[in-house]
Each structure stands twice: as structure tokens, then as C-alpha cells.
Amino acid sequence: MTRIFASARSSGDFWLTRRRPRHLPAHVLWQWILRFALPLLTVLGGTVLYWIWFDNVYGHHWGNTIGGIALAVTMVLIAVWSVGAWCSDAS
């Protein structure tokens, strides 16, 4: 009989354990941040690349070409990373 009383919790213990807030693990939170931030960075990079290459009001310069190529390579890498972040397992 004492085992039953020893293993049972009081109602106060039950409510204290039940009211604890649930937190997302850090890796899940960072994964969702990456899932939304990486496509946004890709779109912003595409907009800047469009401004540099196609909507250039100051004329073409060798720095625009070199900088645009570096930005395009970086955007491709971010796009691949974005696809990897969205296709990976969330657990």
C-alpha cells in the first residue's frame, strides 16, 4: 500500500509539471530561420544582380561585370543551400 502512495503524485506536482512552457530545440528553430531567410536572400540578390547588369543607368564598367559574376556565383550557392534546407528532414 505504501508503494501506491509513494508512486502517486499530488495534484500540485501535476500542475507544476504541466505548466512548463514547451520550447523548440535550437536546431529546429535555426532550420526554419534558414528555410525562410535563404530564399529571401536569393530574391534580394537577384534584384541587385538585375540592377547591376540589366538596369544599369551609369553604363557598363568592368567592375560591374566582375561584381555581378561574383554575386551570381554566390546566389547559385545560396539557392542550392536553400533547396537543401527545404528538402532536409526537420527532426
Protein backbone atom coordinates (compact mmCIF):
# COMPACT_ATOMS: atom_id res chain seq x y z
CA MET A 1 0.00 0.00 0.00
CA THR A 2 2.85 2.39 0.70
CA ARG A 3 4.16 1.81 -2.80
CA ILE A 4 0.96 3.20 -4.27
CA PHE A 5 1.18 6.34 -2.18
CA ALA A 6 4.90 6.71 -2.86
CA SER A 7 4.48 6.46 -6.62
CA ALA A 8 1.43 8.71 -6.86
CA ARG A 9 1.98 12.43 -7.19
CA SER A 10 -0.08 15.11 -5.61
CA SER A 11 -2.24 17.33 -7.80
CA GLY A 12 0.10 20.26 -7.12
CA ASP A 13 3.03 18.35 -8.64
CA PHE A 14 0.91 17.54 -11.67
CA TRP A 15 0.01 21.15 -12.34
CA LEU A 16 3.61 22.33 -11.88
CA THR A 17 4.89 19.88 -14.44
CA ARG A 18 2.06 20.56 -16.84
CA ARG A 19 2.51 24.36 -16.92
CA ARG A 20 6.10 24.27 -18.09
CA PRO A 21 6.38 26.06 -21.43
CA ARG A 22 7.44 23.98 -24.36
CA HIS A 23 10.45 25.26 -26.24
CA LEU A 24 11.57 24.37 -29.72
CA PRO A 25 15.00 22.81 -29.89
CA ALA A 26 17.60 25.24 -31.19
CA HIS A 27 18.41 23.21 -34.30
CA VAL A 28 14.76 23.16 -35.37
CA LEU A 29 14.44 26.89 -34.85
CA TRP A 30 17.58 27.62 -36.87
CA GLN A 31 16.44 25.27 -39.61
CA TRP A 32 13.17 27.19 -40.01
CA ILE A 33 15.03 30.51 -39.95
CA LEU A 34 17.24 29.24 -42.78
CA ARG A 35 14.25 27.92 -44.70
CA PHE A 36 12.76 31.40 -44.85
CA ALA A 37 15.91 33.54 -44.97
CA LEU A 38 17.76 31.76 -47.78
CA PRO A 39 15.05 32.18 -50.45
CA LEU A 40 14.68 35.80 -49.37
CA LEU A 41 18.43 36.32 -49.83
CA THR A 42 18.22 34.70 -53.26
CA VAL A 43 15.44 37.05 -54.35
CA LEU A 44 17.27 40.10 -52.99
CA GLY A 45 20.47 39.01 -54.71
CA GLY A 46 18.59 38.54 -57.98
CA THR A 47 17.17 42.03 -57.68
CA VAL A 48 20.62 43.51 -57.09
CA LEU A 49 22.03 41.48 -59.97
CA TYR A 50 19.28 42.81 -62.23
CA TRP A 51 20.12 46.36 -61.17
CA ILE A 52 23.83 45.79 -61.84
CA TRP A 53 23.56 44.03 -65.20
CA PHE A 54 20.31 44.99 -66.92
CA ASP A 55 19.09 48.21 -65.31
CA ASN A 56 22.48 49.91 -65.19
CA VAL A 57 21.92 53.67 -65.52
CA TYR A 58 25.63 54.54 -65.28
CA GLY A 59 26.84 52.43 -68.20
CA HIS A 60 28.85 49.23 -68.29
CA HIS A 61 32.08 49.05 -66.38
CA TRP A 62 34.45 46.14 -65.76
CA GLY A 63 33.70 46.30 -62.01
CA ASN A 64 30.02 45.69 -62.69
CA THR A 65 30.82 42.56 -64.67
CA ILE A 66 33.25 41.13 -62.10
CA GLY A 67 30.99 42.01 -59.17
CA GLY A 68 27.95 40.61 -60.97
CA ILE A 69 29.71 37.33 -61.66
CA ALA A 70 30.73 37.04 -58.01
CA LEU A 71 27.16 37.81 -56.94
CA ALA A 72 25.74 35.29 -59.42
CA VAL A 73 28.04 32.51 -58.15
CA THR A 74 27.09 33.35 -54.56
CA MET A 75 23.40 33.32 -55.44
CA VAL A 76 23.70 29.89 -57.05
CA LEU A 77 25.35 28.55 -53.89
CA ILE A 78 22.64 30.12 -51.70
CA ALA A 79 19.93 28.66 -53.95
CA VAL A 80 21.44 25.17 -53.64
CA TRP A 81 21.69 25.64 -49.86
CA SER A 82 18.05 26.77 -49.81
CA VAL A 83 16.87 23.67 -51.67
CA GLY A 84 18.90 21.53 -49.26
CA ALA A 85 17.36 23.29 -46.26
CA TRP A 86 13.82 22.78 -47.56
CA CYS A 87 14.35 19.14 -48.56
CA SER A 88 16.13 18.04 -45.38
CA ASP A 89 14.45 16.22 -42.52
CA ALA A 90 13.10 18.53 -39.80
CA SER A 91 13.81 16.16 -36.95
